[in-house]
Protein backbone atom coordinates (compact mmCIF):
# COMPACT_ATOMS: atom_id res chain seq x y z
CA MET A 1 0.00 0.00 0.00
CA ARG A 2 2.86 2.31 0.94
CA ALA A 3 4.66 1.44 -2.29
CA ASN A 4 1.57 2.38 -4.30
CA LYS A 5 1.48 5.77 -2.63
CA ILE A 6 5.13 6.31 -3.47
CA TYR A 7 4.46 5.42 -7.11
CA ILE A 8 1.48 7.81 -7.27
CA ILE A 9 3.45 10.69 -5.71
CA GLY A 10 6.33 10.04 -8.11
CA PHE A 11 3.96 10.02 -11.07
CA LEU A 12 2.41 13.35 -9.98
CA VAL A 13 5.85 14.94 -9.56
CA LEU A 14 6.90 13.77 -13.01
CA ALA A 15 3.64 15.03 -14.53
CA ALA A 16 4.04 18.44 -12.88
CA ALA A 17 7.64 18.66 -14.08
CA ALA A 18 6.60 17.73 -17.63
CA GLY A 19 3.81 20.29 -17.56
CA SER A 20 6.15 23.00 -16.33
CA TRP A 21 8.70 22.08 -18.97
CA LEU A 22 6.04 22.20 -21.70
CA PHE A 23 4.67 25.54 -20.45
CA LEU A 24 8.11 27.10 -20.15
CA GLY A 25 9.09 25.72 -23.53
CA ARG A 26 6.03 27.26 -25.19
CA SER A 27 6.53 30.56 -23.32
CA LYS A 28 10.16 30.69 -24.41
CA ALA A 29 9.21 29.85 -27.97
CA ALA A 30 6.53 32.57 -27.98
CA SER A 31 8.93 35.03 -26.41
CA ALA A 32 11.63 34.15 -28.92
CA ALA A 33 9.17 34.63 -31.73
CA GLY A 34 8.15 38.02 -30.23
CA VAL A 35 4.44 37.14 -30.18
CA ARG A 36 1.99 38.82 -27.82
CA ASN A 37 -1.78 38.96 -27.53
CA ILE A 38 -3.47 42.31 -26.90
CA HIS A 39 -6.95 43.77 -26.77
CA ALA A 40 -8.10 46.92 -28.54
CA LYS A 41 -8.50 49.78 -26.07
CA ILE A 42 -10.82 52.76 -25.82
CA ALA A 43 -8.60 55.84 -25.99
CA THR A 44 -8.23 59.35 -27.37
CA ILE A 45 -6.13 60.13 -30.43
CA GLN A 46 -4.96 63.67 -31.10
CA THR A 47 -2.92 64.48 -34.20
CA TYR A 48 -0.64 67.46 -34.68
CA ILE A 49 1.04 69.30 -37.55
CA SER A 50 4.56 70.20 -36.51
CA THR A 51 6.70 72.91 -38.05
CA THR A 52 9.16 75.66 -37.18
CA GLY A 53 8.97 79.43 -37.09
CA THR A 54 10.34 82.68 -35.70
CA VAL A 55 9.26 85.19 -33.06
CA LEU A 56 8.50 88.49 -34.81
CA PRO A 57 6.59 91.74 -34.17
CA ARG A 58 3.15 91.67 -35.74
CA ASN A 59 3.58 95.35 -36.61
CA ARG A 60 7.12 96.69 -36.58
CA LEU A 61 7.06 100.48 -36.84
CA GLU A 62 10.11 102.70 -37.26
CA VAL A 63 9.87 106.25 -35.90
CA ARG A 64 11.93 108.44 -38.23
CA PRO A 65 12.65 112.20 -38.05
CA PRO A 66 10.66 114.49 -40.38
CA VAL A 67 13.82 116.47 -41.22
CA ASN A 68 17.58 116.01 -41.07
CA GLY A 69 19.10 117.11 -37.82
CA ARG A 70 20.43 116.01 -34.44
CA VAL A 71 19.02 113.95 -31.59
CA GLU A 72 18.80 116.07 -28.43
CA GLN A 73 17.14 113.72 -25.94
CA ILE A 74 15.89 110.09 -25.86
CA LEU A 75 13.05 109.65 -23.34
CA VAL A 76 12.56 105.87 -23.54
CA GLN A 77 14.65 102.73 -23.48
CA GLU A 78 14.29 99.25 -24.94
CA GLY A 79 11.56 97.22 -23.27
CA ASP A 80 9.43 100.24 -22.28
CA MET A 81 5.72 100.11 -23.01
CA VAL A 82 4.43 103.32 -24.62
CA LYS A 83 1.07 104.79 -25.57
CA ALA A 84 0.04 106.42 -28.83
CA GLY A 85 0.85 110.15 -28.67
CA GLN A 86 3.62 109.72 -26.10
CA ILE A 87 6.79 111.74 -26.80
CA LEU A 88 9.70 109.36 -27.38
CA ALA A 89 12.52 111.77 -28.19
CA TRP A 90 13.42 115.39 -28.93
CA MET A 91 15.50 116.48 -31.90
CA SER A 92 16.72 119.65 -33.59
CA SER A 93 16.65 120.42 -37.27
CA THR A 94 20.00 121.14 -38.88
CA ASP A 95 19.33 124.91 -38.71
CA ARG A 96 18.29 124.82 -35.03
CA ALA A 97 21.32 122.71 -34.13
CA ALA A 98 23.62 125.27 -35.84
CA LEU A 99 21.95 128.21 -34.03
CA LEU A 100 22.20 126.50 -30.64
CA ASP A 101 25.85 125.65 -31.17
CA ALA A 102 26.58 129.26 -32.09
CA ALA A 103 24.62 130.59 -29.09
CA ARG A 104 26.35 128.15 -26.73
CA GLY A 105 29.66 129.75 -27.71
CA LYS A 106 28.42 133.24 -26.78
CA SER A 107 26.62 133.06 -23.44
CA ASP A 108 24.13 131.11 -21.38
CA ALA A 109 21.55 133.85 -21.90
CA SER A 110 21.86 133.58 -25.68
CA LEU A 111 21.52 129.79 -25.49
CA ALA A 112 18.41 130.09 -23.28
CA TYR A 113 16.89 132.61 -25.69
CA TRP A 114 17.25 130.42 -28.76
CA ASN A 115 16.11 127.34 -26.84
CA ASP A 116 12.90 129.20 -26.01
CA VAL A 117 12.36 130.82 -29.40
CA TYR A 118 13.33 127.90 -31.64
CA LYS A 119 11.45 124.87 -30.27
CA PRO A 120 12.77 121.33 -30.77
CA ILE A 121 10.87 118.68 -32.75
CA ALA A 122 9.08 115.96 -30.81
CA LEU A 123 9.14 112.36 -32.08
CA VAL A 124 5.80 110.85 -31.05
CA ALA A 125 4.65 107.24 -30.76
CA PRO A 126 1.98 106.60 -33.42
CA ILE A 127 0.73 103.38 -31.75
CA ASP A 128 0.54 101.62 -28.40
CA GLY A 129 3.43 99.20 -28.19
CA GLN A 130 6.82 98.26 -26.83
CA VAL A 131 10.17 99.87 -27.62
CA ILE A 132 12.33 97.17 -29.23
CA VAL A 133 15.12 99.40 -30.60
CA ALA A 134 16.43 102.59 -28.97
CA THR A 135 20.13 102.72 -29.71
CA MET A 136 20.46 106.39 -30.78
CA GLN A 137 22.45 108.66 -28.45
CA PRO A 138 21.93 112.39 -27.76
CA GLY A 139 24.10 114.46 -30.08
CA GLN A 140 23.95 111.94 -32.90
CA THR A 141 23.12 113.35 -36.32
CA VAL A 142 20.24 111.75 -38.20
CA THR A 143 18.58 111.88 -41.59
CA THR A 144 14.99 111.26 -42.61
CA SER A 145 15.91 107.66 -43.48
CA ASP A 146 17.23 106.82 -39.98
CA ALA A 147 15.03 105.01 -37.46
CA VAL A 148 15.47 106.77 -34.12
CA ILE A 149 13.04 104.47 -32.26
CA VAL A 150 11.49 101.13 -33.33
CA LEU A 151 8.17 100.00 -31.84
CA SER A 152 6.35 96.69 -31.83
CA ASP A 153 2.68 96.35 -30.91
CA VAL A 154 2.84 92.62 -30.01
CA LEU A 155 5.16 89.68 -30.60
CA ILE A 156 3.81 86.77 -32.62
CA PHE A 157 5.00 83.40 -33.89
CA ARG A 158 5.36 83.25 -37.68
CA ALA A 159 5.36 79.58 -38.69
CA GLN A 160 6.28 78.09 -42.06
CA VAL A 161 3.66 75.53 -43.14
CA ASP A 162 4.16 73.13 -46.04
CA GLU A 163 1.66 73.33 -48.91
CA THR A 164 0.51 69.77 -48.16
CA ASP A 165 -0.58 70.83 -44.65
CA ILE A 166 -1.88 74.37 -45.19
CA GLY A 167 -5.38 73.04 -45.96
CA LYS A 168 -5.53 71.62 -42.42
CA ILE A 169 -4.87 75.03 -40.81
CA ALA A 170 -7.80 77.31 -39.95
CA GLN A 171 -8.34 80.71 -38.35
CA GLY A 172 -8.46 80.43 -34.56
CA GLN A 173 -6.97 76.92 -34.54
CA GLU A 174 -5.18 76.03 -31.32
CA ALA A 175 -1.45 75.32 -31.28
CA MET A 176 1.46 74.96 -28.88
CA GLY A 177 4.69 76.88 -29.27
CA THR A 178 8.05 75.97 -27.78
CA LEU A 179 11.02 78.32 -27.87
CA ASP A 180 14.12 76.39 -28.96
CA ALA A 181 16.19 78.14 -26.29
CA TYR A 182 13.64 77.32 -23.55
CA ALA A 183 12.35 73.86 -24.43
CA ASP A 184 10.66 73.38 -21.04
CA THR A 185 8.31 76.32 -21.59
CA LYS A 186 5.11 75.54 -23.51
CA ILE A 187 3.19 78.53 -24.87
CA LYS A 188 -0.48 78.21 -25.86
CA CYS A 189 -1.38 80.13 -28.99
CA LYS A 190 -3.97 80.39 -31.77
CA VAL A 191 -3.82 81.01 -35.51
CA ASP A 192 -4.21 84.75 -36.10
CA HIS A 193 -3.59 85.04 -39.85
CA ILE A 194 -2.91 82.71 -42.78
CA TYR A 195 -1.02 84.25 -45.70
CA TYR A 196 -2.22 83.57 -49.23
CA GLU A 197 1.07 84.18 -51.04
CA SER A 198 3.51 81.29 -51.03
CA LYS A 199 7.29 81.22 -50.80
CA THR A 200 9.74 78.61 -52.01
CA VAL A 201 12.32 77.48 -49.46
CA ASN A 202 14.77 74.72 -50.46
CA ASN A 203 12.48 73.78 -53.39
CA VAL A 204 9.52 73.40 -51.01
CA THR A 205 6.42 75.57 -51.27
CA ILE A 206 5.47 76.99 -47.89
CA TYR A 207 2.91 79.47 -46.51
CA ALA A 208 3.45 81.77 -43.55
CA VAL A 209 1.01 81.49 -40.64
CA ASP A 210 0.91 84.01 -37.79
CA LEU A 211 0.01 82.80 -34.30
CA LYS A 212 -0.87 84.96 -31.32
CA ALA A 213 0.12 83.65 -27.89
CA ASP A 214 -2.27 83.72 -24.93
CA GLU A 215 0.59 84.97 -22.77
CA LEU A 216 4.25 85.40 -23.62
CA PRO A 217 7.01 84.82 -21.05
CA ALA A 218 9.13 87.83 -20.14
CA PHE A 219 12.23 86.31 -21.76
CA CYS A 220 10.62 86.03 -25.21
CA ARG A 221 12.44 88.19 -27.75
CA SER A 222 12.05 89.04 -31.41
CA GLY A 223 14.17 86.78 -33.60
CA MET A 224 13.99 83.68 -31.39
CA ASN A 225 13.39 80.33 -33.07
CA VAL A 226 10.22 78.46 -32.15
CA SER A 227 8.73 75.03 -32.80
CA VAL A 228 4.96 74.99 -33.38
CA ASP A 229 2.55 72.06 -33.06
CA PHE A 230 -0.84 72.80 -34.62
CA LYS A 231 -3.69 70.84 -33.01
CA ALA A 232 -5.26 69.00 -35.95
CA ALA A 233 -7.72 66.08 -36.12
CA GLY A 234 -8.67 64.38 -32.87
CA LYS A 235 -11.22 61.87 -31.55
CA GLU A 236 -12.20 60.78 -28.05
CA ASN A 237 -13.41 57.41 -26.74
CA ILE A 238 -12.56 55.43 -29.85
CA LEU A 239 -11.37 51.84 -30.32
CA THR A 240 -7.61 51.82 -30.90
CA LEU A 241 -4.69 49.47 -31.46
CA PRO A 242 -0.93 50.03 -31.52
CA VAL A 243 0.17 50.81 -35.06
CA ASP A 244 2.36 47.69 -35.22
CA ALA A 245 -0.73 45.50 -34.68
CA VAL A 246 -2.32 46.59 -37.98
CA LYS A 247 -0.95 45.29 -41.28
CA LYS A 248 -1.74 46.41 -44.79
CA ASP A 249 -1.56 44.84 -48.23
CA LYS A 250 -3.25 45.18 -51.58
CA ASP A 251 -6.56 44.03 -50.10
CA GLY A 252 -6.54 46.65 -47.34
CA SER A 253 -5.84 46.79 -43.61
CA TYR A 254 -6.08 43.70 -41.42
CA VAL A 255 -5.14 42.21 -38.06
CA MET A 256 -4.39 38.69 -36.90
CA VAL A 257 -6.95 37.52 -34.35
CA SER A 258 -6.34 34.75 -31.82
CA VAL A 259 -8.51 31.62 -32.33
CA PRO A 260 -9.55 29.47 -29.32
CA GLY A 261 -8.21 25.92 -29.08
CA GLY A 262 -4.59 26.72 -29.95
CA LYS A 263 -5.32 27.11 -33.67
CA GLU A 264 -3.40 29.41 -35.95
CA PRO A 265 -4.42 33.11 -35.74
CA ALA A 266 -7.04 34.16 -38.32
CA ARG A 267 -6.84 37.18 -40.58
CA ARG A 268 -9.51 39.83 -39.91
CA ALA A 269 -10.11 42.78 -42.23
CA VAL A 270 -10.49 46.13 -40.44
CA VAL A 271 -11.24 49.71 -41.39
CA THR A 272 -8.85 52.23 -39.84
CA GLY A 273 -9.26 55.93 -39.08
CA ILE A 274 -6.91 58.57 -37.74
CA THR A 275 -3.52 57.81 -36.23
CA ASP A 276 -0.93 59.63 -34.15
CA ASP A 277 1.83 57.21 -35.26
CA ILE A 278 1.54 55.42 -31.91
CA ARG A 279 -2.05 54.20 -31.95
CA VAL A 280 -4.51 53.85 -34.83
CA GLU A 281 -8.30 54.09 -34.76
CA ILE A 282 -10.24 50.91 -35.59
CA VAL A 283 -13.48 52.07 -37.22
CA SER A 284 -14.94 48.61 -37.88
CA GLY A 285 -14.07 44.92 -38.13
CA LEU A 286 -12.97 44.37 -34.52
CA ALA A 287 -14.62 44.13 -31.10
CA GLY A 288 -13.08 45.03 -27.76
CA GLU A 289 -13.07 41.40 -26.58
CA ASP A 290 -11.12 40.13 -29.61
CA GLN A 291 -7.52 39.17 -28.93
CA VAL A 292 -5.14 40.53 -31.53
CA VAL A 293 -1.87 38.74 -32.16
CA VAL A 294 1.10 41.04 -32.60
CA GLN A 295 4.35 39.77 -34.08
CA ARG A 296 7.33 41.88 -33.17
CA LYS A 297 9.76 42.49 -35.97
CA LYS A 298 13.16 40.89 -35.53
CA PHE A 299 16.32 42.77 -36.33
CA THR A 300 18.53 40.99 -38.83
CA MET A 301 21.97 42.05 -39.91
CA PRO A 302 22.29 42.91 -43.60
CA LYS A 303 23.74 40.10 -45.69
CA SER A 304 26.71 42.22 -46.62
CA SER A 305 27.46 42.95 -42.97
CA THR A 306 30.77 41.74 -41.57
CA GLY A 307 29.45 41.83 -38.02
CA THR A 308 31.56 44.84 -37.10
CA ASN A 309 30.26 48.08 -35.61
CA PRO A 310 28.22 49.81 -38.37
CA PHE A 311 28.80 53.23 -36.78
CA ALA A 312 32.58 52.95 -36.65
CA PRO A 313 34.43 54.87 -39.39
CA ALA A 314 35.76 52.78 -42.23
CA ARG A 315 39.53 52.49 -42.47
CA PRO A 316 41.48 52.34 -45.72
CA GLY A 317 42.06 48.79 -46.83
CA GLY A 318 39.93 47.23 -44.11
CA ALA A 319 36.43 46.75 -42.78
CA SER A 320 34.64 49.34 -40.70
CA GLY A 321 35.97 49.47 -37.16
CA SER A 322 38.58 46.75 -37.79
CA ARG A 323 41.94 46.73 -36.02
CA HIS A 324 45.38 46.28 -37.54
């Protein structure tokens, strides 16, 4: 009786060991093959159109003197906010400057007289804005073509959008700007103006798009480079799969669905929607309870490879990265 029990226990141990070996063997085989079963998930997909641009003034206005002459006094400095009608600087015409210089050589009374009789010319701000250039110094001579003060009403992002994407951009569309020099700062903005005239840059047709930020950080300056992500198509609460789970051939898109009973996976045609390059929308052909079989791609060395480091520089007379 005791011997029978020993035989039964031994048989159960052997059976358990065989089962474990079979399970581990199959798991290792599946792992080696890179096969995994997944379910489609309800998620949100948001797509973006990414491009680059520059921080620029929406309206850049140069305040120039009405006559040739000399700058007498600058009343503002770069960064100051000014109002329309505010006096920015005083200047003298060429004749007034000559009279004052002559009077200064005579006496203080003569200088005071001509200062009172011959009034200086005021340079006035024509708009509300910010002073972005104020480099002139008192005593400097100027002509009617010189900008004494430069104003900007507001800084904007001017993005360059490819002709293949311009049809997806609309007035008021939301976007996110990131200054290249301050990558951690995200700036919400909206499309303010879409230009109709194209430009060709490196044989690519592009259109300029102006974006107005909700709020600009204090360190934002004209001329900075910016990356812009336009918020494009998006859907919420949709059935999705990872992009590597969906295959495509001449007959359309399909997935491989797990079949009960250990049978080979079956092909299932699906209709796909939008994608963010990570997940893809499954419009029809698949239910949430279906198990989708995903085969990971294996990396194989090119046939011509020698097995050496492909990133090592090639040496004359030898293979890449080889030693002599």
